[in-house]
Amino acid sequence: MVDLKTQYLFWAVGLEVLVPLAVGIAGWLTISRALDTDSHLSGLSRYLIALVAIVSIPQLLGGFSVDINNLLLGLVLLAIALFVLTRLFLFPALLVTGNGFVTALTKSYCQSRGHGMTFAGLIIVIGLAYWGLATVPVAGGFLSTAVVAPIHAIAIGTVFSADFHRTASTPVGRLEARDARLNGSR
């Protein structure tokens, strides 16, 4: 790095920033299209901040390897991570729809109750697909991002819009009032 020219340093740093930015914008746009909602820049900024945080946390914690001596600890940590990921599965869709961080976390936690096995299955299948394509020599990183990332974003948008987006926005009192009106008119 002694003879590294400043322009090459900025070029390399720019490319390292450009890739996650492009992936983040594509994910935000895909989820907003799957939800058939308006795209707002506030949702994009929140989505990108959450993406940076999620990508940075494993980097800050460092690597973790599992061997036979700490296999049980690894399985416990994996179960905890899977539980947290199932509770946060709807978090990106809630950010895209314009919710703040705390509101999105709270809603994601509450709305994912009762759907843990479904979300866990999706997370495991998507994770295995990412891992499988990432192991392809030379083009693995590109393939895992280009093929599985859109599927992941569409899965989040589809699950959110099918089960939660419509029903969660209608208060229970309004449903009861509507049912009373329908029963009264018969």
Protein backbone atom coordinates (compact mmCIF):
# COMPACT_ATOMS: atom_id res chain seq x y z
CA MET A 1 0.00 0.00 0.00
CA VAL A 2 3.06 2.23 0.05
CA ASP A 3 2.86 3.12 -3.63
CA LEU A 4 -0.92 3.00 -3.89
CA LYS A 5 -2.26 5.96 -5.80
CA THR A 6 -5.17 7.80 -4.23
CA GLN A 7 -7.35 7.45 -7.32
CA TYR A 8 -7.04 3.65 -7.21
CA LEU A 9 -7.91 3.62 -3.52
CA PHE A 10 -11.05 5.67 -4.16
CA TRP A 11 -11.92 3.46 -7.13
CA ALA A 12 -11.64 0.28 -5.00
CA VAL A 13 -13.58 1.77 -2.08
CA GLY A 14 -16.24 3.05 -4.50
CA LEU A 15 -16.69 -0.41 -5.99
CA GLU A 16 -16.95 -1.95 -2.52
CA VAL A 17 -19.71 0.54 -1.65
CA LEU A 18 -21.46 0.28 -5.01
CA VAL A 19 -22.22 -3.44 -4.81
CA PRO A 20 -24.18 -3.40 -1.51
CA LEU A 21 -25.87 -0.17 -2.59
CA ALA A 22 -27.04 -1.76 -5.85
CA VAL A 23 -28.19 -4.91 -4.04
CA GLY A 24 -30.01 -2.82 -1.43
CA ILE A 25 -31.80 -0.68 -4.01
CA ALA A 26 -32.77 -3.79 -5.98
CA GLY A 27 -34.11 -5.48 -2.84
CA TRP A 28 -36.09 -2.40 -1.81
CA LEU A 29 -37.54 -2.01 -5.31
CA THR A 30 -38.40 -5.71 -5.59
CA ILE A 31 -40.18 -5.77 -2.23
CA SER A 32 -42.08 -2.56 -3.02
CA ARG A 33 -43.16 -4.00 -6.38
CA ALA A 34 -44.20 -7.30 -4.75
CA LEU A 35 -46.26 -5.32 -2.24
CA ASP A 36 -47.66 -3.12 -5.02
CA THR A 37 -46.96 -0.04 -2.92
CA ASP A 38 -45.54 3.37 -3.66
CA SER A 39 -41.78 3.64 -3.38
CA HIS A 40 -40.69 6.36 -0.96
CA LEU A 41 -37.13 7.51 -0.41
CA SER A 42 -37.63 7.39 3.37
CA GLY A 43 -38.33 3.66 3.05
CA LEU A 44 -35.24 3.26 0.88
CA SER A 45 -33.01 5.07 3.36
CA ARG A 46 -34.31 2.99 6.27
CA TYR A 47 -33.93 -0.20 4.24
CA LEU A 48 -30.32 0.66 3.31
CA ILE A 49 -29.42 1.57 6.91
CA ALA A 50 -30.85 -1.75 8.12
CA LEU A 51 -28.95 -3.58 5.37
CA VAL A 52 -25.67 -1.95 6.38
CA ALA A 53 -26.31 -2.83 10.03
CA ILE A 54 -27.17 -6.45 9.22
CA VAL A 55 -24.11 -6.88 7.01
CA SER A 56 -21.80 -5.15 9.52
CA ILE A 57 -22.79 -7.09 12.64
CA PRO A 58 -21.20 -10.42 11.59
CA GLN A 59 -18.09 -8.55 10.44
CA LEU A 60 -17.77 -6.85 13.82
CA LEU A 61 -18.31 -10.09 15.75
CA GLY A 62 -15.65 -11.93 13.80
CA GLY A 63 -15.68 -15.49 12.58
CA PHE A 64 -17.01 -18.47 14.43
CA SER A 65 -16.06 -22.04 13.69
CA VAL A 66 -17.69 -25.15 15.08
CA ASP A 67 -15.75 -28.28 15.86
CA ILE A 68 -16.69 -31.40 17.78
CA ASN A 69 -15.73 -29.82 21.12
CA ASN A 70 -18.26 -26.99 20.82
CA LEU A 71 -20.90 -28.62 18.60
CA LEU A 72 -23.61 -28.28 21.24
CA LEU A 73 -22.84 -24.59 21.68
CA GLY A 74 -22.97 -24.13 17.90
CA LEU A 75 -26.37 -25.81 17.70
CA VAL A 76 -27.75 -23.64 20.51
CA LEU A 77 -26.44 -20.49 18.80
CA LEU A 78 -27.92 -21.67 15.49
CA ALA A 79 -31.32 -22.23 17.14
CA ILE A 80 -31.20 -18.76 18.72
CA ALA A 81 -30.22 -17.18 15.39
CA LEU A 82 -33.03 -19.01 13.60
CA PHE A 83 -35.55 -17.84 16.21
CA VAL A 84 -34.40 -14.21 15.85
CA LEU A 85 -34.45 -14.42 12.06
CA THR A 86 -37.99 -15.83 12.03
CA ARG A 87 -39.16 -12.94 14.21
CA LEU A 88 -37.42 -10.43 11.91
CA PHE A 89 -38.55 -12.00 8.64
CA LEU A 90 -41.14 -9.28 7.96
CA PHE A 91 -38.83 -6.44 9.04
CA PRO A 92 -37.67 -5.49 5.50
CA ALA A 93 -41.24 -5.33 4.16
CA LEU A 94 -42.28 -3.14 7.07
CA LEU A 95 -39.37 -0.78 6.39
CA VAL A 96 -40.28 -0.58 2.71
CA THR A 97 -43.87 0.34 3.57
CA GLY A 98 -42.62 3.37 5.51
CA ASN A 99 -42.53 2.19 9.13
CA GLY A 100 -39.77 3.42 11.42
CA PHE A 101 -37.16 1.06 12.86
CA VAL A 102 -38.78 0.51 16.25
CA THR A 103 -42.27 0.17 14.80
CA ALA A 104 -41.05 -2.25 12.13
CA LEU A 105 -39.21 -4.36 14.73
CA THR A 106 -42.24 -4.47 16.99
CA LYS A 107 -44.68 -5.30 14.20
CA SER A 108 -42.36 -7.92 12.74
CA TYR A 109 -42.03 -9.62 16.10
CA CYS A 110 -45.77 -9.57 16.78
CA GLN A 111 -46.97 -10.51 13.29
CA SER A 112 -44.55 -13.42 12.92
CA ARG A 113 -46.04 -15.27 15.89
CA GLY A 114 -47.69 -18.48 14.78
CA HIS A 115 -45.70 -18.57 11.53
CA GLY A 116 -42.34 -19.63 12.95
CA MET A 117 -42.08 -22.96 11.16
CA THR A 118 -43.04 -21.45 7.80
CA PHE A 119 -40.54 -18.62 8.16
CA ALA A 120 -37.85 -20.98 9.48
CA GLY A 121 -38.38 -23.24 6.47
CA LEU A 122 -38.10 -20.30 4.08
CA ILE A 123 -34.96 -19.04 5.84
CA ILE A 124 -33.32 -22.48 5.71
CA VAL A 125 -34.17 -23.07 2.02
CA ILE A 126 -33.07 -19.58 0.99
CA GLY A 127 -29.90 -19.86 3.08
CA LEU A 128 -29.01 -23.22 1.54
CA ALA A 129 -29.63 -21.80 -1.94
CA TYR A 130 -27.35 -18.82 -1.19
CA TRP A 131 -24.67 -21.14 0.17
CA GLY A 132 -24.97 -23.65 -2.67
CA LEU A 133 -24.64 -21.04 -5.40
CA ALA A 134 -21.87 -19.21 -3.51
CA THR A 135 -19.70 -22.34 -3.65
CA VAL A 136 -19.63 -22.27 -7.46
CA PRO A 137 -16.07 -21.37 -8.49
CA VAL A 138 -15.45 -17.90 -9.94
CA ALA A 139 -19.09 -16.82 -10.38
CA GLY A 140 -20.49 -17.98 -7.01
CA GLY A 141 -20.84 -14.56 -5.42
CA PHE A 142 -22.58 -13.16 -8.46
CA LEU A 143 -24.86 -16.17 -8.88
CA SER A 144 -25.95 -16.28 -5.26
CA THR A 145 -26.84 -12.59 -5.32
CA ALA A 146 -28.36 -12.44 -8.81
CA VAL A 147 -30.50 -15.57 -8.50
CA VAL A 148 -31.45 -15.99 -4.85
CA ALA A 149 -31.69 -12.35 -3.69
CA PRO A 150 -34.71 -11.56 -5.92
CA ILE A 151 -36.39 -14.78 -4.81
CA HIS A 152 -35.77 -13.81 -1.18
CA ALA A 153 -37.20 -10.31 -1.71
CA ILE A 154 -40.27 -11.66 -3.53
CA ALA A 155 -40.83 -14.23 -0.78
CA ILE A 156 -40.76 -11.48 1.86
CA GLY A 157 -43.14 -9.29 -0.15
CA THR A 158 -45.50 -12.14 -0.99
CA VAL A 159 -45.73 -13.48 2.56
CA PHE A 160 -46.23 -9.98 3.94
CA SER A 161 -48.91 -8.96 1.44
CA ALA A 162 -50.78 -12.26 1.60
CA ASP A 163 -51.09 -12.66 5.35
CA PHE A 164 -50.26 -9.43 7.08
CA HIS A 165 -50.49 -6.29 4.99
CA ARG A 166 -54.22 -6.39 4.45
CA THR A 167 -55.35 -7.88 7.76
CA ALA A 168 -52.93 -6.02 10.03
CA SER A 169 -54.03 -2.62 8.79
CA THR A 170 -57.71 -3.23 9.56
CA PRO A 171 -58.47 -2.73 13.27
CA VAL A 172 -60.55 -5.39 14.97
CA GLY A 173 -63.28 -2.87 15.85
CA ARG A 174 -63.77 -2.01 12.19
CA LEU A 175 -64.08 -5.70 11.29
CA GLU A 176 -66.67 -6.23 14.00
CA ALA A 177 -68.62 -3.13 12.88
CA ARG A 178 -68.55 -4.36 9.27
CA ASP A 179 -69.74 -7.83 10.32
CA ALA A 180 -72.56 -6.28 12.40
CA ARG A 181 -73.66 -4.18 9.40
CA LEU A 182 -73.61 -7.22 7.11
CA ASN A 183 -75.56 -9.36 9.58
CA GLY A 184 -78.06 -6.55 10.20
CA SER A 185 -78.76 -6.08 6.49
CA ARG A 186 -79.68 -9.73 5.94
